[in-house]
């Protein structure tokens, strides 16, 4: 069982996708995302397997939640620096988003 202290170690922040492109070298269909987490954190990169539910054109400008304090992970020729959060559903992975627009970098609490 996970303790509350374990959960509190995760730094989950709101970011805005500022760039998205197809990740052709990924083993499974994915996008490369550039996510702006605000002036204190900056732009972080992520590989996200969200192609079943999203087209590239609809991702830019979307606010999402991401874990920013996992170690970077090399995926093919791309360094993924943040884990974008989503829900596994019958139609594919659906991104978790704040209900209303908030400042980039706001922390899940």
PDB file of N, CA and C in Angstrom:
ATOM      1  N   UNK A   1       0.841  -1.183   0.000  1.00  0.00           N
ATOM      2  CA  UNK A   1       0.000   0.000   0.000  1.00  0.00           C
ATOM      3  C   UNK A   1       0.889   1.251   0.000  1.00  0.00           C
ATOM      4  N   UNK A   2       0.489   2.243  -0.731  1.00  0.00           N
ATOM      5  CA  UNK A   2       1.233   3.500  -0.824  1.00  0.00           C
ATOM      6  C   UNK A   2       0.847   4.398   0.354  1.00  0.00           C
ATOM      7  N   UNK A   3       1.834   5.010   0.949  1.00  0.00           N
ATOM      8  CA  UNK A   3       1.616   5.947   2.045  1.00  0.00           C
ATOM      9  C   UNK A   3       1.453   7.360   1.485  1.00  0.00           C
ATOM     10  N   UNK A   4       0.787   8.223   2.234  1.00  0.00           N
ATOM     11  CA  UNK A   4       0.594   9.607   1.814  1.00  0.00           C
ATOM     12  C   UNK A   4       1.932  10.282   1.532  1.00  0.00           C
ATOM     13  N   UNK A   5       2.933  10.000   2.337  1.00  0.00           N
ATOM     14  CA  UNK A   5       4.257  10.599   2.132  1.00  0.00           C
ATOM     15  C   UNK A   5       4.836  10.231   0.770  1.00  0.00           C
ATOM     16  N   UNK A   6       4.546   9.009   0.283  1.00  0.00           N
ATOM     17  CA  UNK A   6       5.009   8.593  -1.047  1.00  0.00           C
ATOM     18  C   UNK A   6       4.367   9.461  -2.121  1.00  0.00           C
ATOM     19  N   UNK A   7       3.058   9.672  -2.012  1.00  0.00           N
ATOM     20  CA  UNK A   7       2.345  10.498  -2.987  1.00  0.00           C
ATOM     21  C   UNK A   7       2.861  11.934  -2.967  1.00  0.00           C
ATOM     22  N   UNK A   8       3.114  12.443  -1.775  1.00  0.00           N
ATOM     23  CA  UNK A   8       3.561  13.833  -1.647  1.00  0.00           C
ATOM     24  C   UNK A   8       4.944  14.068  -2.252  1.00  0.00           C
ATOM     25  N   UNK A   9       5.702  13.013  -2.495  1.00  0.00           N
ATOM     26  CA  UNK A   9       7.003  13.146  -3.152  1.00  0.00           C
ATOM     27  C   UNK A   9       6.869  13.523  -4.620  1.00  0.00           C
ATOM     28  N   UNK A  10       5.715  13.223  -5.223  1.00  0.00           N
ATOM     29  CA  UNK A  10       5.492  13.551  -6.636  1.00  0.00           C
ATOM     30  C   UNK A  10       5.246  15.049  -6.783  1.00  0.00           C
ATOM     31  N   UNK A  11       5.933  15.654  -7.721  1.00  0.00           N
ATOM     32  CA  UNK A  11       5.724  17.070  -8.031  1.00  0.00           C
ATOM     33  C   UNK A  11       4.893  17.128  -9.309  1.00  0.00           C
ATOM     34  N   UNK A  12       3.591  17.285  -9.143  1.00  0.00           N
ATOM     35  CA  UNK A  12       2.651  17.289 -10.269  1.00  0.00           C
ATOM     36  C   UNK A  12       2.234  18.725 -10.526  1.00  0.00           C
ATOM     37  N   UNK A  13       2.502  19.183 -11.754  1.00  0.00           N
ATOM     38  CA  UNK A  13       2.261  20.585 -12.113  1.00  0.00           C
ATOM     39  C   UNK A  13       1.411  20.697 -13.376  1.00  0.00           C
ATOM     40  N   UNK A  14       0.848  21.879 -13.548  1.00  0.00           N
ATOM     41  CA  UNK A  14       0.099  22.200 -14.763  1.00  0.00           C
ATOM     42  C   UNK A  14       1.059  22.785 -15.782  1.00  0.00           C
ATOM     43  N   UNK A  15       0.993  22.250 -16.987  1.00  0.00           N
ATOM     44  CA  UNK A  15       1.786  22.779 -18.088  1.00  0.00           C
ATOM     45  C   UNK A  15       0.921  22.978 -19.312  1.00  0.00           C
ATOM     46  N   UNK A  16       1.430  23.741 -20.246  1.00  0.00           N
ATOM     47  CA  UNK A  16       0.724  23.990 -21.509  1.00  0.00           C
ATOM     48  C   UNK A  16       1.568  23.452 -22.661  1.00  0.00           C
ATOM     49  N   UNK A  17       0.961  22.633 -23.487  1.00  0.00           N
ATOM     50  CA  UNK A  17       1.666  22.082 -24.646  1.00  0.00           C
ATOM     51  C   UNK A  17       1.894  23.217 -25.642  1.00  0.00           C
ATOM     52  N   UNK A  18       3.165  23.447 -25.972  1.00  0.00           N
ATOM     53  CA  UNK A  18       3.490  24.535 -26.897  1.00  0.00           C
ATOM     54  C   UNK A  18       3.951  24.010 -28.259  1.00  0.00           C
ATOM     55  N   UNK A  19       4.289  22.719 -28.322  1.00  0.00           N
ATOM     56  CA  UNK A  19       4.723  22.117 -29.582  1.00  0.00           C
ATOM     57  C   UNK A  19       4.461  20.624 -29.508  1.00  0.00           C
ATOM     58  N   UNK A  20       4.036  20.050 -30.623  1.00  0.00           N
ATOM     59  CA  UNK A  20       3.811  18.604 -30.703  1.00  0.00           C
ATOM     60  C   UNK A  20       4.189  18.133 -32.102  1.00  0.00           C
ATOM     61  N   UNK A  21       4.818  16.959 -32.152  1.00  0.00           N
ATOM     62  CA  UNK A  21       5.139  16.373 -33.455  1.00  0.00           C
ATOM     63  C   UNK A  21       5.123  14.853 -33.346  1.00  0.00           C
ATOM     64  N   UNK A  22       4.954  14.206 -34.483  1.00  0.00           N
ATOM     65  CA  UNK A  22       4.941  12.755 -34.518  1.00  0.00           C
ATOM     66  C   UNK A  22       6.311  12.217 -34.108  1.00  0.00           C
ATOM     67  N   UNK A  23       6.306  11.148 -33.317  1.00  0.00           N
ATOM     68  CA  UNK A  23       7.545  10.515 -32.857  1.00  0.00           C
ATOM     69  C   UNK A  23       7.747   9.249 -33.689  1.00  0.00           C
ATOM     70  N   UNK A  24       8.374   9.425 -34.825  1.00  0.00           N
ATOM     71  CA  UNK A  24       8.513   8.338 -35.800  1.00  0.00           C
ATOM     72  C   UNK A  24       9.412   7.200 -35.322  1.00  0.00           C
ATOM     73  N   UNK A  25      10.368   7.465 -34.437  1.00  0.00           N
ATOM     74  CA  UNK A  25      11.292   6.422 -33.993  1.00  0.00           C
ATOM     75  C   UNK A  25      10.791   5.656 -32.761  1.00  0.00           C
ATOM     76  N   UNK A  26       9.659   6.044 -32.208  1.00  0.00           N
ATOM     77  CA  UNK A  26       9.113   5.337 -31.047  1.00  0.00           C
ATOM     78  C   UNK A  26       8.621   3.953 -31.465  1.00  0.00           C
ATOM     79  N   UNK A  27       8.751   2.972 -30.553  1.00  0.00           N
ATOM     80  CA  UNK A  27       8.303   1.613 -30.851  1.00  0.00           C
ATOM     81  C   UNK A  27       6.790   1.537 -30.997  1.00  0.00           C
ATOM     82  N   UNK A  28       6.062   2.288 -30.165  1.00  0.00           N
ATOM     83  CA  UNK A  28       4.602   2.366 -30.233  1.00  0.00           C
ATOM     84  C   UNK A  28       4.236   3.765 -30.687  1.00  0.00           C
ATOM     85  N   UNK A  29       3.092   3.941 -31.365  1.00  0.00           N
ATOM     86  CA  UNK A  29       2.706   5.277 -31.832  1.00  0.00           C
ATOM     87  C   UNK A  29       2.718   6.296 -30.682  1.00  0.00           C
ATOM     88  N   UNK A  30       3.398   7.408 -30.909  1.00  0.00           N
ATOM     89  CA  UNK A  30       3.544   8.428 -29.863  1.00  0.00           C
ATOM     90  C   UNK A  30       3.797   9.789 -30.497  1.00  0.00           C
ATOM     91  N   UNK A  31       3.679  10.815 -29.660  1.00  0.00           N
ATOM     92  CA  UNK A  31       4.032  12.175 -30.036  1.00  0.00           C
ATOM     93  C   UNK A  31       5.185  12.648 -29.159  1.00  0.00           C
ATOM     94  N   UNK A  32       5.993  13.539 -29.704  1.00  0.00           N
ATOM     95  CA  UNK A  32       6.942  14.315 -28.918  1.00  0.00           C
ATOM     96  C   UNK A  32       6.208  15.586 -28.517  1.00  0.00           C
ATOM     97  N   UNK A  33       6.237  15.894 -27.230  1.00  0.00           N
ATOM     98  CA  UNK A  33       5.572  17.093 -26.730  1.00  0.00           C
ATOM     99  C   UNK A  33       6.587  18.007 -26.061  1.00  0.00           C
ATOM    100  N   UNK A  34       6.403  19.300 -26.225  1.00  0.00           N
ATOM    101  CA  UNK A  34       7.144  20.314 -25.490  1.00  0.00           C
ATOM    102  C   UNK A  34       6.110  21.026 -24.634  1.00  0.00           C
ATOM    103  N   UNK A  35       6.310  20.982 -23.312  1.00  0.00           N
ATOM    104  CA  UNK A  35       5.314  21.481 -22.368  1.00  0.00           C
ATOM    105  C   UNK A  35       5.926  22.607 -21.537  1.00  0.00           C
ATOM    106  N   UNK A  36       5.260  23.768 -21.545  1.00  0.00           N
ATOM    107  CA  UNK A  36       5.718  24.934 -20.788  1.00  0.00           C
ATOM    108  C   UNK A  36       5.091  24.893 -19.394  1.00  0.00           C
ATOM    109  N   UNK A  37       5.947  24.770 -18.371  1.00  0.00           N
ATOM    110  CA  UNK A  37       5.497  24.728 -16.986  1.00  0.00           C
ATOM    111  C   UNK A  37       5.718  26.069 -16.278  1.00  0.00           C
ATOM    112  N   UNK A  38       5.851  27.132 -17.025  1.00  0.00           N
ATOM    113  CA  UNK A  38       5.971  28.463 -16.441  1.00  0.00           C
ATOM    114  C   UNK A  38       7.413  28.894 -16.235  1.00  0.00           C
ATOM    115  N   UNK A  39       7.564  30.147 -15.792  1.00  0.00           N
ATOM    116  CA  UNK A  39       8.890  30.769 -15.722  1.00  0.00           C
ATOM    117  C   UNK A  39       9.828  30.099 -14.728  1.00  0.00           C
ATOM    118  N   UNK A  40       9.325  29.523 -13.643  1.00  0.00           N
ATOM    119  CA  UNK A  40      10.202  28.909 -12.644  1.00  0.00           C
ATOM    120  C   UNK A  40      10.700  27.526 -13.048  1.00  0.00           C
ATOM    121  N   UNK A  41       9.955  26.823 -13.889  1.00  0.00           N
ATOM    122  CA  UNK A  41      10.311  25.460 -14.283  1.00  0.00           C
ATOM    123  C   UNK A  41      10.777  25.406 -15.732  1.00  0.00           C
ATOM    124  N   UNK A  42      10.107  26.136 -16.589  1.00  0.00           N
ATOM    125  CA  UNK A  42      10.475  26.197 -17.995  1.00  0.00           C
ATOM    126  C   UNK A  42       9.804  25.128 -18.843  1.00  0.00           C
ATOM    127  N   UNK A  43      10.360  24.926 -20.031  1.00  0.00           N
ATOM    128  CA  UNK A  43       9.813  23.976 -21.001  1.00  0.00           C
ATOM    129  C   UNK A  43      10.479  22.624 -20.805  1.00  0.00           C
ATOM    130  N   UNK A  44       9.668  21.589 -20.724  1.00  0.00           N
ATOM    131  CA  UNK A  44      10.136  20.212 -20.576  1.00  0.00           C
ATOM    132  C   UNK A  44       9.587  19.386 -21.722  1.00  0.00           C
ATOM    133  N   UNK A  45      10.336  18.346 -22.111  1.00  0.00           N
ATOM    134  CA  UNK A  45       9.932  17.468 -23.215  1.00  0.00           C
ATOM    135  C   UNK A  45       9.325  16.189 -22.667  1.00  0.00           C
ATOM    136  N   UNK A  46       8.398  15.622 -23.444  1.00  0.00           N
ATOM    137  CA  UNK A  46       7.771  14.358 -23.058  1.00  0.00           C
ATOM    138  C   UNK A  46       7.420  13.550 -24.296  1.00  0.00           C
ATOM    139  N   UNK A  47       7.535  12.239 -24.166  1.00  0.00           N
ATOM    140  CA  UNK A  47       7.027  11.315 -25.175  1.00  0.00           C
ATOM    141  C   UNK A  47       5.702  10.799 -24.645  1.00  0.00           C
ATOM    142  N   UNK A  48       4.648  10.893 -25.447  1.00  0.00           N
ATOM    143  CA  UNK A  48       3.316  10.518 -24.966  1.00  0.00           C
ATOM    144  C   UNK A  48       2.598   9.642 -25.986  1.00  0.00           C
ATOM    145  N   UNK A  49       2.124   8.500 -25.525  1.00  0.00           N
ATOM    146  CA  UNK A  49       1.369   7.573 -26.369  1.00  0.00           C
ATOM    147  C   UNK A  49      -0.115   7.935 -26.302  1.00  0.00           C
ATOM    148  N   UNK A  50      -0.459   9.032 -26.968  1.00  0.00           N
ATOM    149  CA  UNK A  50      -1.825   9.565 -26.924  1.00  0.00           C
ATOM    150  C   UNK A  50      -2.412   9.723 -28.324  1.00  0.00           C
ATOM    151  N   UNK A  51      -1.843   9.005 -29.296  1.00  0.00           N
ATOM    152  CA  UNK A  51      -2.227   9.188 -30.697  1.00  0.00           C
ATOM    153  C   UNK A  51      -3.636   8.699 -31.011  1.00  0.00           C
ATOM    154  N   UNK A  52      -4.183   7.796 -30.204  1.00  0.00           N
ATOM    155  CA  UNK A  52      -5.527   7.283 -30.486  1.00  0.00           C
ATOM    156  C   UNK A  52      -6.610   8.315 -30.202  1.00  0.00           C
ATOM    157  N   UNK A  53      -6.356   9.206 -29.270  1.00  0.00           N
ATOM    158  CA  UNK A  53      -7.382  10.173 -28.867  1.00  0.00           C
ATOM    159  C   UNK A  53      -7.131  11.601 -29.347  1.00  0.00           C
ATOM    160  N   UNK A  54      -5.902  11.889 -29.793  1.00  0.00           N
ATOM    161  CA  UNK A  54      -5.551  13.277 -30.127  1.00  0.00           C
ATOM    162  C   UNK A  54      -4.791  13.362 -31.436  1.00  0.00           C
ATOM    163  N   UNK A  55      -5.115  14.385 -32.208  1.00  0.00           N
ATOM    164  CA  UNK A  55      -4.318  14.750 -33.359  1.00  0.00           C
ATOM    165  C   UNK A  55      -3.353  15.849 -32.949  1.00  0.00           C
ATOM    166  N   UNK A  56      -2.244  15.955 -33.639  1.00  0.00           N
ATOM    167  CA  UNK A  56      -1.238  16.964 -33.294  1.00  0.00           C
ATOM    168  C   UNK A  56      -1.839  18.367 -33.249  1.00  0.00           C
ATOM    169  N   UNK A  57      -2.701  18.671 -34.209  1.00  0.00           N
ATOM    170  CA  UNK A  57      -3.247  20.021 -34.326  1.00  0.00           C
ATOM    171  C   UNK A  57      -4.079  20.440 -33.112  1.00  0.00           C
ATOM    172  N   UNK A  58      -4.640  19.504 -32.369  1.00  0.00           N
ATOM    173  CA  UNK A  58      -5.474  19.869 -31.218  1.00  0.00           C
ATOM    174  C   UNK A  58      -4.699  19.918 -29.897  1.00  0.00           C
ATOM    175  N   UNK A  59      -3.435  19.552 -29.912  1.00  0.00           N
ATOM    176  CA  UNK A  59      -2.662  19.497 -28.666  1.00  0.00           C
ATOM    177  C   UNK A  59      -2.072  20.844 -28.259  1.00  0.00           C
ATOM    178  N   UNK A  60      -1.608  21.622 -29.220  1.00  0.00           N
ATOM    179  CA  UNK A  60      -0.966  22.902 -28.897  1.00  0.00           C
ATOM    180  C   UNK A  60      -1.987  23.830 -28.221  1.00  0.00           C
ATOM    181  N   UNK A  61      -1.589  24.351 -27.066  1.00  0.00           N
ATOM    182  CA  UNK A  61      -2.451  25.240 -26.292  1.00  0.00           C
ATOM    183  C   UNK A  61      -3.223  24.529 -25.191  1.00  0.00           C
ATOM    184  N   UNK A  62      -3.191  23.209 -25.176  1.00  0.00           N
ATOM    185  CA  UNK A  62      -3.915  22.430 -24.181  1.00  0.00           C
ATOM    186  C   UNK A  62      -3.130  22.389 -22.872  1.00  0.00           C
ATOM    187  N   UNK A  63      -3.823  22.629 -21.757  1.00  0.00           N
ATOM    188  CA  UNK A  63      -3.208  22.491 -20.452  1.00  0.00           C
ATOM    189  C   UNK A  63      -3.329  21.038 -19.991  1.00  0.00           C
ATOM    190  N   UNK A  64      -2.260  20.539 -19.376  1.00  0.00           N
ATOM    191  CA  UNK A  64      -2.212  19.150 -18.918  1.00  0.00           C
ATOM    192  C   UNK A  64      -1.564  19.100 -17.540  1.00  0.00           C
ATOM    193  N   UNK A  65      -1.626  17.934 -16.910  1.00  0.00           N
ATOM    194  CA  UNK A  65      -0.895  17.698 -15.670  1.00  0.00           C
ATOM    195  C   UNK A  65       0.275  16.779 -15.963  1.00  0.00           C
ATOM    196  N   UNK A  66       1.404  17.056 -15.325  1.00  0.00           N
ATOM    197  CA  UNK A  66       2.584  16.231 -15.534  1.00  0.00           C
ATOM    198  C   UNK A  66       3.422  16.114 -14.276  1.00  0.00           C
ATOM    199  N   UNK A  67       4.076  14.967 -14.120  1.00  0.00           N
ATOM    200  CA  UNK A  67       5.021  14.757 -13.025  1.00  0.00           C
ATOM    201  C   UNK A  67       6.369  15.269 -13.501  1.00  0.00           C
ATOM    202  N   UNK A  68       6.896  16.279 -12.804  1.00  0.00           N
ATOM    203  CA  UNK A  68       8.123  16.926 -13.290  1.00  0.00           C
ATOM    204  C   UNK A  68       9.376  16.472 -12.558  1.00  0.00           C
ATOM    205  N   UNK A  69       9.248  15.626 -11.532  1.00  0.00           N
ATOM    206  CA  UNK A  69      10.449  15.266 -10.762  1.00  0.00           C
ATOM    207  C   UNK A  69      10.842  13.790 -10.893  1.00  0.00           C
ATOM    208  N   UNK A  70      10.431  13.124 -11.978  1.00  0.00           N
ATOM    209  CA  UNK A  70      10.992  11.822 -12.310  1.00  0.00           C
ATOM    210  C   UNK A  70      12.304  12.058 -13.049  1.00  0.00           C
ATOM    211  N   UNK A  71      13.243  11.118 -12.983  1.00  0.00           N
ATOM    212  CA  UNK A  71      14.473  11.298 -13.761  1.00  0.00           C
ATOM    213  C   UNK A  71      14.173  11.236 -15.257  1.00  0.00           C
ATOM    214  N   UNK A  72      14.931  11.961 -16.082  1.00  0.00           N
ATOM    215  CA  UNK A  72      14.734  11.896 -17.532  1.00  0.00           C
ATOM    216  C   UNK A  72      14.885  10.464 -18.033  1.00  0.00           C
ATOM    217  N   UNK A  73      14.185  10.152 -19.126  1.00  0.00           N
ATOM    218  CA  UNK A  73      14.208   8.802 -19.687  1.00  0.00           C
ATOM    219  C   UNK A  73      14.459   8.883 -21.191  1.00  0.00           C
ATOM    220  N   UNK A  74      15.473   8.169 -21.638  1.00  0.00           N
ATOM    221  CA  UNK A  74      15.809   8.130 -23.065  1.00  0.00           C
ATOM    222  C   UNK A  74      14.833   7.200 -23.781  1.00  0.00           C
ATOM    223  N   UNK A  75      14.147   7.725 -24.790  1.00  0.00           N
ATOM    224  CA  UNK A  75      13.244   6.936 -25.612  1.00  0.00           C
ATOM    225  C   UNK A  75      13.681   7.154 -27.058  1.00  0.00           C
ATOM    226  N   UNK A  76      14.262   6.107 -27.646  1.00  0.00           N
ATOM    227  CA  UNK A  76      14.886   6.208 -28.974  1.00  0.00           C
ATOM    228  C   UNK A  76      15.897   7.358 -28.930  1.00  0.00           C
ATOM    229  N   UNK A  77      15.738   8.356 -29.810  1.00  0.00           N
ATOM    230  CA  UNK A  77      16.685   9.483 -29.853  1.00  0.00           C
ATOM    231  C   UNK A  77      16.161  10.720 -29.133  1.00  0.00           C
ATOM    232  N   UNK A  78      15.213  10.536 -28.222  1.00  0.00           N
ATOM    233  CA  UNK A  78      14.522  11.652 -27.565  1.00  0.00           C
ATOM    234  C   UNK A  78      14.609  11.482 -26.049  1.00  0.00           C
ATOM    235  N   UNK A  79      14.965  12.551 -25.345  1.00  0.00           N
ATOM    236  CA  UNK A  79      15.029  12.517 -23.886  1.00  0.00           C
ATOM    237  C   UNK A  79      13.711  13.060 -23.325  1.00  0.00           C
ATOM    238  N   UNK A  80      12.923  12.171 -22.711  1.00  0.00           N
ATOM    239  CA  UNK A  80      11.652  12.541 -22.096  1.00  0.00           C
ATOM    240  C   UNK A  80      11.931  12.988 -20.666  1.00  0.00           C
ATOM    241  N   UNK A  81      11.537  14.222 -20.340  1.00  0.00           N
ATOM    242  CA  UNK A  81      11.877  14.820 -19.053  1.00  0.00           C
ATOM    243  C   UNK A  81      10.718  14.881 -18.073  1.00  0.00           C
ATOM    244  N   UNK A  82       9.522  14.632 -18.541  1.00  0.00           N
ATOM    245  CA  UNK A  82       8.331  14.767 -17.709  1.00  0.00           C
ATOM    246  C   UNK A  82       7.328  13.690 -18.111  1.00  0.00           C
ATOM    247  N   UNK A  83       6.565  13.189 -17.136  1.00  0.00           N
ATOM    248  CA  UNK A  83       5.518  12.213 -17.404  1.00  0.00           C
ATOM    249  C   UNK A  83       4.186  12.939 -17.482  1.00  0.00           C
ATOM    250  N   UNK A  84       3.628  13.002 -18.675  1.00  0.00           N
ATOM    251  CA  UNK A  84       2.312  13.595 -18.874  1.00  0.00           C
ATOM    252  C   UNK A  84       1.282  12.587 -18.380  1.00  0.00           C
ATOM    253  N   UNK A  85       0.325  13.056 -17.577  1.00  0.00           N
ATOM    254  CA  UNK A  85      -0.642  12.151 -16.954  1.00  0.00           C
ATOM    255  C   UNK A  85      -1.897  11.988 -17.805  1.00  0.00           C
ATOM    256  N   UNK A  86      -2.381  10.762 -17.849  1.00  0.00           N
ATOM    257  CA  UNK A  86      -3.591  10.458 -18.600  1.00  0.00           C
ATOM    258  C   UNK A  86      -4.299   9.258 -17.995  1.00  0.00           C
ATOM    259  N   UNK A  87      -5.503   9.037 -18.474  1.00  0.00           N
ATOM    260  CA  UNK A  87      -6.336   7.927 -18.032  1.00  0.00           C
ATOM    261  C   UNK A  87      -6.435   6.929 -19.165  1.00  0.00           C
ATOM    262  N   UNK A  88      -6.178   5.651 -18.864  1.00  0.00           N
ATOM    263  CA  UNK A  88      -6.353   4.601 -19.866  1.00  0.00           C
ATOM    264  C   UNK A  88      -7.845   4.333 -20.009  1.00  0.00           C
ATOM    265  N   UNK A  89      -8.352   4.459 -21.231  1.00  0.00           N
ATOM    266  CA  UNK A  89      -9.770   4.235 -21.483  1.00  0.00           C
ATOM    267  C   UNK A  89      -9.922   3.322 -22.692  1.00  0.00           C
ATOM    268  N   UNK A  90     -11.143   2.927 -22.994  1.00  0.00           N
ATOM    269  CA  UNK A  90     -11.407   2.073 -24.146  1.00  0.00           C
ATOM    270  C   UNK A  90     -10.956   2.720 -25.453  1.00  0.00           C
ATOM    271  N   UNK A  91     -11.035   4.051 -25.549  1.00  0.00           N
ATOM    272  CA  UNK A  91     -10.648   4.727 -26.790  1.00  0.00           C
ATOM    273  C   UNK A  91      -9.171   5.079 -26.851  1.00  0.00           C
ATOM    274  N   UNK A  92      -8.440   4.886 -25.751  1.00  0.00           N
ATOM    275  CA  UNK A  92      -7.022   5.216 -25.690  1.00  0.00           C
ATOM    276  C   UNK A  92      -6.751   6.082 -24.474  1.00  0.00           C
ATOM    277  N   UNK A  93      -5.550   6.648 -24.412  1.00  0.00           N
ATOM    278  CA  UNK A  93      -5.174   7.475 -23.259  1.00  0.00           C
ATOM    279  C   UNK A  93      -5.777   8.872 -23.414  1.00  0.00           C
ATOM    280  N   UNK A  94      -6.504   9.293 -22.378  1.00  0.00           N
ATOM    281  CA  UNK A  94      -7.116  10.621 -22.324  1.00  0.00           C
ATOM    282  C   UNK A  94      -6.331  11.457 -21.325  1.00  0.00           C
ATOM    283  N   UNK A  95      -5.847  12.605 -21.761  1.00  0.00           N
ATOM    284  CA  UNK A  95      -5.039  13.477 -20.907  1.00  0.00           C
ATOM    285  C   UNK A  95      -5.844  14.021 -19.729  1.00  0.00           C
ATOM    286  N   UNK A  96      -5.165  14.162 -18.594  1.00  0.00           N
ATOM    287  CA  UNK A  96      -5.773  14.792 -17.424  1.00  0.00           C
ATOM    288  C   UNK A  96      -5.503  16.288 -17.523  1.00  0.00           C
ATOM    289  N   UNK A  97      -6.581  17.077 -17.405  1.00  0.00           N
ATOM    290  CA  UNK A  97      -6.487  18.520 -17.554  1.00  0.00           C
ATOM    291  C   UNK A  97      -7.198  19.217 -16.392  1.00  0.00           C
ATOM    292  N   UNK A  98      -6.755  20.423 -16.037  1.00  0.00           N
ATOM    293  CA  UNK A  98      -7.528  21.189 -15.050  1.00  0.00           C
ATOM    294  C   UNK A  98      -8.886  21.569 -15.649  1.00  0.00           C
ATOM    295  N   UNK A  99      -9.894  21.631 -14.805  1.00  0.00           N
ATOM    296  CA  UNK A  99     -11.243  21.975 -15.265  1.00  0.00           C
ATOM    297  C   UNK A  99     -11.306  23.394 -15.823  1.00  0.00           C
ATOM    298  N   UNK A 100     -10.528  24.299 -15.224  1.00  0.00           N
ATOM    299  CA  UNK A 100     -10.448  25.691 -15.680  1.00  0.00           C
ATOM    300  C   UNK A 100      -8.994  26.010 -15.945  1.00  0.00           C
ATOM    301  N   UNK A 101      -8.750  27.006 -16.802  1.00  0.00           N
ATOM    302  CA  UNK A 101      -7.369  27.418 -17.080  1.00  0.00           C
ATOM    303  C   UNK A 101      -6.757  28.015 -15.820  1.00  0.00           C
ATOM    304  N   UNK A 102      -5.523  27.615 -15.562  1.00  0.00           N
ATOM    305  CA  UNK A 102      -4.785  28.125 -14.405  1.00  0.00           C
ATOM    306  C   UNK A 102      -3.397  28.541 -14.871  1.00  0.00           C
ATOM    307  N   UNK A 103      -2.649  29.156 -13.979  1.00  0.00           N
ATOM    308  CA  UNK A 103      -1.290  29.574 -14.314  1.00  0.00           C
ATOM    309  C   UNK A 103      -0.411  28.354 -14.540  1.00  0.00           C
ATOM    310  N   UNK A 104       0.456  28.451 -15.543  1.00  0.00           N
ATOM    311  CA  UNK A 104       1.424  27.372 -15.800  1.00  0.00           C
ATOM    312  C   UNK A 104       2.326  27.220 -14.575  1.00  0.00           C
ATOM    313  N   UNK A 105       2.578  25.960 -14.202  1.00  0.00           N
ATOM    314  CA  UNK A 105       3.427  25.682 -13.069  1.00  0.00           C
ATOM    315  C   UNK A 105       2.685  25.478 -11.766  1.00  0.00           C
ATOM    316  N   UNK A 106       1.366  25.741 -11.750  1.00  0.00           N
ATOM    317  CA  UNK A 106       0.598  25.521 -10.517  1.00  0.00           C
ATOM    318  C   UNK A 106       0.733  24.055 -10.103  1.00  0.00           C
ATOM    319  N   UNK A 107       0.807  23.839  -8.800  1.00  0.00           N
ATOM    320  CA  UNK A 107       1.064  22.499  -8.251  1.00  0.00           C
ATOM    321  C   UNK A 107      -0.233  21.830  -7.825  1.00  0.00           C
ATOM    322  N   UNK A 108      -0.347  20.535  -8.155  1.00  0.00           N
ATOM    323  CA  UNK A 108      -1.475  19.748  -7.677  1.00  0.00           C
ATOM    324  C   UNK A 108      -1.364  19.645  -6.174  1.00  0.00           C
ATOM    325  N   UNK A 109      -2.450  19.935  -5.487  1.00  0.00           N
ATOM    326  CA  UNK A 109      -2.383  19.901  -4.027  1.00  0.00           C
ATOM    327  C   UNK A 109      -3.615  19.295  -3.426  1.00  0.00           C
TER     328      UNK A 109
END
